[in-house]
C-alpha atoms as a PDB file:
ATOM      1  CA  MET A   1     -16.607   5.053  16.032  1.00  0.00           C
ATOM      2  CA  GLU A   2     -14.088   7.686  14.976  1.00  0.00           C
ATOM      3  CA  THR A   3     -13.065   7.579  11.349  1.00  0.00           C
ATOM      4  CA  SER A   4      -9.339   7.301  12.203  1.00  0.00           C
ATOM      5  CA  HIS A   5      -9.937   4.166  14.293  1.00  0.00           C
ATOM      6  CA  LEU A   6     -12.258   2.646  11.673  1.00  0.00           C
ATOM      7  CA  LEU A   7      -9.694   3.114   8.924  1.00  0.00           C
ATOM      8  CA  ALA A   8      -6.871   1.866  11.119  1.00  0.00           C
ATOM      9  CA  ARG A   9      -8.901  -1.334  11.693  1.00  0.00           C
ATOM     10  CA  ILE A  10      -8.925  -1.818   7.902  1.00  0.00           C
ATOM     11  CA  ILE A  11      -5.434  -0.600   7.015  1.00  0.00           C
ATOM     12  CA  GLY A  12      -3.634  -2.336   9.866  1.00  0.00           C
ATOM     13  CA  PRO A  13      -4.611  -5.950   9.180  1.00  0.00           C
ATOM     14  CA  TYR A  14      -4.329  -5.424   5.437  1.00  0.00           C
ATOM     15  CA  ILE A  15      -0.732  -4.085   5.607  1.00  0.00           C
ATOM     16  CA  LEU A  16       0.215  -6.692   8.253  1.00  0.00           C
ATOM     17  CA  ILE A  17      -1.008  -9.552   6.018  1.00  0.00           C
ATOM     18  CA  ALA A  18       0.591  -7.982   2.940  1.00  0.00           C
ATOM     19  CA  GLY A  19       3.900  -7.740   4.754  1.00  0.00           C
ATOM     20  CA  LEU A  20       3.723 -11.309   6.038  1.00  0.00           C
ATOM     21  CA  SER A  21       2.788 -12.438   2.541  1.00  0.00           C
ATOM     22  CA  LEU A  22       5.741 -10.670   0.995  1.00  0.00           C
ATOM     23  CA  MET A  23       8.046 -12.197   3.643  1.00  0.00           C
ATOM     24  CA  ILE A  24       6.746 -15.730   3.220  1.00  0.00           C
ATOM     25  CA  ASN A  25       6.043 -15.795  -0.507  1.00  0.00           C
ATOM     26  CA  ARG A  26       8.717 -13.628  -2.175  1.00  0.00           C
ATOM     27  CA  ALA A  27       9.006 -15.946  -5.192  1.00  0.00           C
ATOM     28  CA  GLY A  28       5.275 -15.773  -5.743  1.00  0.00           C
ATOM     29  CA  TYR A  29       5.429 -11.956  -5.796  1.00  0.00           C
ATOM     30  CA  GLN A  30       8.185 -12.102  -8.345  1.00  0.00           C
ATOM     31  CA  LYS A  31       6.096 -14.422 -10.531  1.00  0.00           C
ATOM     32  CA  LEU A  32       3.090 -12.055 -10.172  1.00  0.00           C
ATOM     33  CA  LEU A  33       5.277  -9.125 -11.231  1.00  0.00           C
ATOM     34  CA  ASP A  34       6.548 -11.074 -14.239  1.00  0.00           C
ATOM     35  CA  GLU A  35       2.966 -11.886 -15.247  1.00  0.00           C
ATOM     36  CA  LEU A  36       1.866  -8.254 -14.815  1.00  0.00           C
ATOM     37  CA  ARG A  37       4.511  -7.128 -17.327  1.00  0.00           C
ATOM     38  CA  GLY A  38       2.689  -6.540 -20.598  1.00  0.00           C
ATOM     39  CA  GLN A  39      -0.763  -6.478 -19.076  1.00  0.00           C
ATOM     40  CA  ALA A  40      -1.419  -2.756 -19.593  1.00  0.00           C
ATOM     41  CA  LEU A  41      -5.137  -3.092 -19.016  1.00  0.00           C
ATOM     42  CA  LEU A  42      -4.684  -4.829 -15.640  1.00  0.00           C
ATOM     43  CA  LEU A  43      -2.119  -2.242 -14.538  1.00  0.00           C
ATOM     44  CA  LEU A  44      -4.535   0.525 -15.553  1.00  0.00           C
ATOM     45  CA  ALA A  45      -7.407  -1.146 -13.599  1.00  0.00           C
ATOM     46  CA  MET A  46      -5.164  -1.615 -10.543  1.00  0.00           C
ATOM     47  CA  GLY A  47      -4.122   2.049 -10.779  1.00  0.00           C
ATOM     48  CA  ALA A  48      -7.727   3.219 -11.086  1.00  0.00           C
ATOM     49  CA  PHE A  49      -8.857   1.109  -8.109  1.00  0.00           C
ATOM     50  CA  THR A  50      -5.962   2.405  -5.972  1.00  0.00           C
ATOM     51  CA  LEU A  51      -6.674   6.005  -7.019  1.00  0.00           C
ATOM     52  CA  ILE A  52     -10.344   5.713  -6.174  1.00  0.00           C
ATOM     53  CA  LEU A  53      -9.695   4.149  -2.793  1.00  0.00           C
ATOM     54  CA  GLY A  54      -7.040   6.832  -2.047  1.00  0.00           C
ATOM     55  CA  LEU A  55      -9.412   9.639  -3.027  1.00  0.00           C
ATOM     56  CA  MET A  56     -12.136   8.157  -0.844  1.00  0.00           C
ATOM     57  CA  MET A  57      -9.764   7.927   2.144  1.00  0.00           C
ATOM     58  CA  VAL A  58      -8.603  11.497   1.752  1.00  0.00           C
ATOM     59  CA  GLN A  59     -12.174  12.717   1.216  1.00  0.00           C
ATOM     60  CA  PHE A  60     -13.325  11.218   4.479  1.00  0.00           C
ATOM     61  CA  HIS A  61     -10.005  11.544   6.396  1.00  0.00           C
ATOM     62  CA  ASN A  62      -7.810  14.442   5.476  1.00  0.00           C
ATOM     63  CA  ILE A  63      -6.555  15.066   9.002  1.00  0.00           C
ATOM     64  CA  TRP A  64      -3.223  16.832   9.445  1.00  0.00           C
ATOM     65  CA  VAL A  65      -2.373  16.605  13.130  1.00  0.00           C
ATOM     66  CA  PHE A  66       0.822  15.795  14.969  1.00  0.00           C
ATOM     67  CA  ASP A  67      -0.513  12.417  16.043  1.00  0.00           C
ATOM     68  CA  TRP A  68      -1.059   8.910  14.701  1.00  0.00           C
ATOM     69  CA  PRO A  69      -4.180   9.783  12.567  1.00  0.00           C
ATOM     70  CA  VAL A  70      -1.960  11.655  10.164  1.00  0.00           C
ATOM     71  CA  LEU A  71      -0.593   8.238   9.122  1.00  0.00           C
ATOM     72  CA  VAL A  72      -4.033   7.289   7.823  1.00  0.00           C
ATOM     73  CA  THR A  73      -4.126  10.514   5.801  1.00  0.00           C
ATOM     74  CA  LEU A  74      -0.623   9.832   4.434  1.00  0.00           C
ATOM     75  CA  ILE A  75      -1.634   6.355   3.361  1.00  0.00           C
ATOM     76  CA  GLY A  76      -4.509   7.872   1.486  1.00  0.00           C
ATOM     77  CA  TRP A  77      -2.247  10.368  -0.296  1.00  0.00           C
ATOM     78  CA  ILE A  78       0.282   7.691  -1.126  1.00  0.00           C
ATOM     79  CA  MET A  79      -2.544   5.687  -2.667  1.00  0.00           C
ATOM     80  CA  ILE A  80      -3.589   8.690  -4.772  1.00  0.00           C
ATOM     81  CA  ILE A  81      -0.038   9.193  -6.013  1.00  0.00           C
ATOM     82  CA  LYS A  82       0.535   5.484  -6.679  1.00  0.00           C
ATOM     83  CA  GLY A  83      -2.788   5.075  -8.487  1.00  0.00           C
ATOM     84  CA  ALA A  84      -2.261   8.174 -10.604  1.00  0.00           C
ATOM     85  CA  MET A  85       1.267   7.123 -11.560  1.00  0.00           C
ATOM     86  CA  ALA A  86       0.058   3.628 -12.540  1.00  0.00           C
ATOM     87  CA  MET A  87      -2.474   5.253 -14.843  1.00  0.00           C
ATOM     88  CA  LEU A  88      -0.259   8.089 -16.185  1.00  0.00           C
ATOM     89  CA  ALA A  89       3.090   6.341 -16.408  1.00  0.00           C
ATOM     90  CA  PRO A  90       2.607   2.569 -16.296  1.00  0.00           C
ATOM     91  CA  ASP A  91       5.984   1.770 -17.869  1.00  0.00           C
ATOM     92  CA  ALA A  92       7.809   3.826 -15.318  1.00  0.00           C
ATOM     93  CA  MET A  93       5.876   2.142 -12.513  1.00  0.00           C
ATOM     94  CA  MET A  94       6.825  -1.307 -13.857  1.00  0.00           C
ATOM     95  CA  ARG A  95      10.518  -0.285 -14.121  1.00  0.00           C
ATOM     96  CA  VAL A  96      10.546   0.852 -10.472  1.00  0.00           C
ATOM     97  CA  ALA A  97       8.731  -2.319  -9.365  1.00  0.00           C
ATOM     98  CA  GLU A  98      11.175  -4.514 -11.299  1.00  0.00           C
ATOM     99  CA  ARG A  99      14.246  -2.710  -9.938  1.00  0.00           C
ATOM    100  CA  PHE A 100      12.892  -2.889  -6.362  1.00  0.00           C
ATOM    101  CA  SER A 101      11.889  -6.616  -6.597  1.00  0.00           C
ATOM    102  CA  ALA A 102      15.343  -7.553  -7.797  1.00  0.00           C
ATOM    103  CA  ASN A 103      16.801  -6.287  -4.463  1.00  0.00           C
ATOM    104  CA  ASN A 104      16.263  -8.906  -1.818  1.00  0.00           C
ATOM    105  CA  THR A 105      17.474  -6.575   0.940  1.00  0.00           C
ATOM    106  CA  ALA A 106      14.968  -3.888  -0.052  1.00  0.00           C
ATOM    107  CA  LEU A 107      12.148  -6.467  -0.168  1.00  0.00           C
ATOM    108  CA  SER A 108      13.064  -7.710   3.286  1.00  0.00           C
ATOM    109  CA  ILE A 109      13.121  -4.201   4.678  1.00  0.00           C
ATOM    110  CA  GLN A 110       9.784  -3.439   3.025  1.00  0.00           C
ATOM    111  CA  ALA A 111       8.226  -6.620   4.457  1.00  0.00           C
ATOM    112  CA  VAL A 112       9.485  -5.951   7.997  1.00  0.00           C
ATOM    113  CA  MET A 113       8.348  -2.272   7.870  1.00  0.00           C
ATOM    114  CA  ALA A 114       4.938  -3.349   6.558  1.00  0.00           C
ATOM    115  CA  ILE A 115       4.559  -5.913   9.356  1.00  0.00           C
ATOM    116  CA  LEU A 116       5.509  -3.357  12.013  1.00  0.00           C
ATOM    117  CA  PHE A 117       3.299  -0.650  10.552  1.00  0.00           C
ATOM    118  CA  GLY A 118       0.424  -3.130  10.241  1.00  0.00           C
ATOM    119  CA  VAL A 119       0.826  -4.118  13.869  1.00  0.00           C
ATOM    120  CA  TYR A 120       0.944  -0.461  14.951  1.00  0.00           C
ATOM    121  CA  MET A 121      -2.167   0.517  12.940  1.00  0.00           C
ATOM    122  CA  SER A 122      -4.062  -2.608  14.159  1.00  0.00           C
ATOM    123  CA  TYR A 123      -3.167  -1.672  17.747  1.00  0.00           C
ATOM    124  CA  MET A 124      -4.276   1.918  17.226  1.00  0.00           C
ATOM    125  CA  GLY A 125      -7.532   0.749  15.615  1.00  0.00           C
ATOM    126  CA  TYR A 126      -8.484  -2.059  17.990  1.00  0.00           C
ATOM    127  CA  VAL A 127      -6.770  -1.510  21.315  1.00  0.00           C
ATOM    128  CA  ALA A 128      -5.771   2.175  21.843  1.00  0.00           C
END
């Protein structure tokens, strides 16, 4: 199976479920964010895990084409940036997350975009 399709089969359902979860359990996400504040070791571990996954994705799938597989590559690069920022500037990451989570409209938009993107990636991985 082509790497793009394999990664789309992983990324698609994950992002779809994450978007649905954010839509359904917004208060739970706010509580998790509140509990994460002050947990520097946990934020560092999450950043390291995200960075490693992003580096692995880009190592195996650094495809820059004018087609849907570039989305897989972009997800990998976003994970690298997000993981590195969580490790290098955890306070700034928390401030951005807190500002974003306080905006219900932004959360709704993010949830809908994640659901749509997850459906699209799942379609590309399993059907197309």
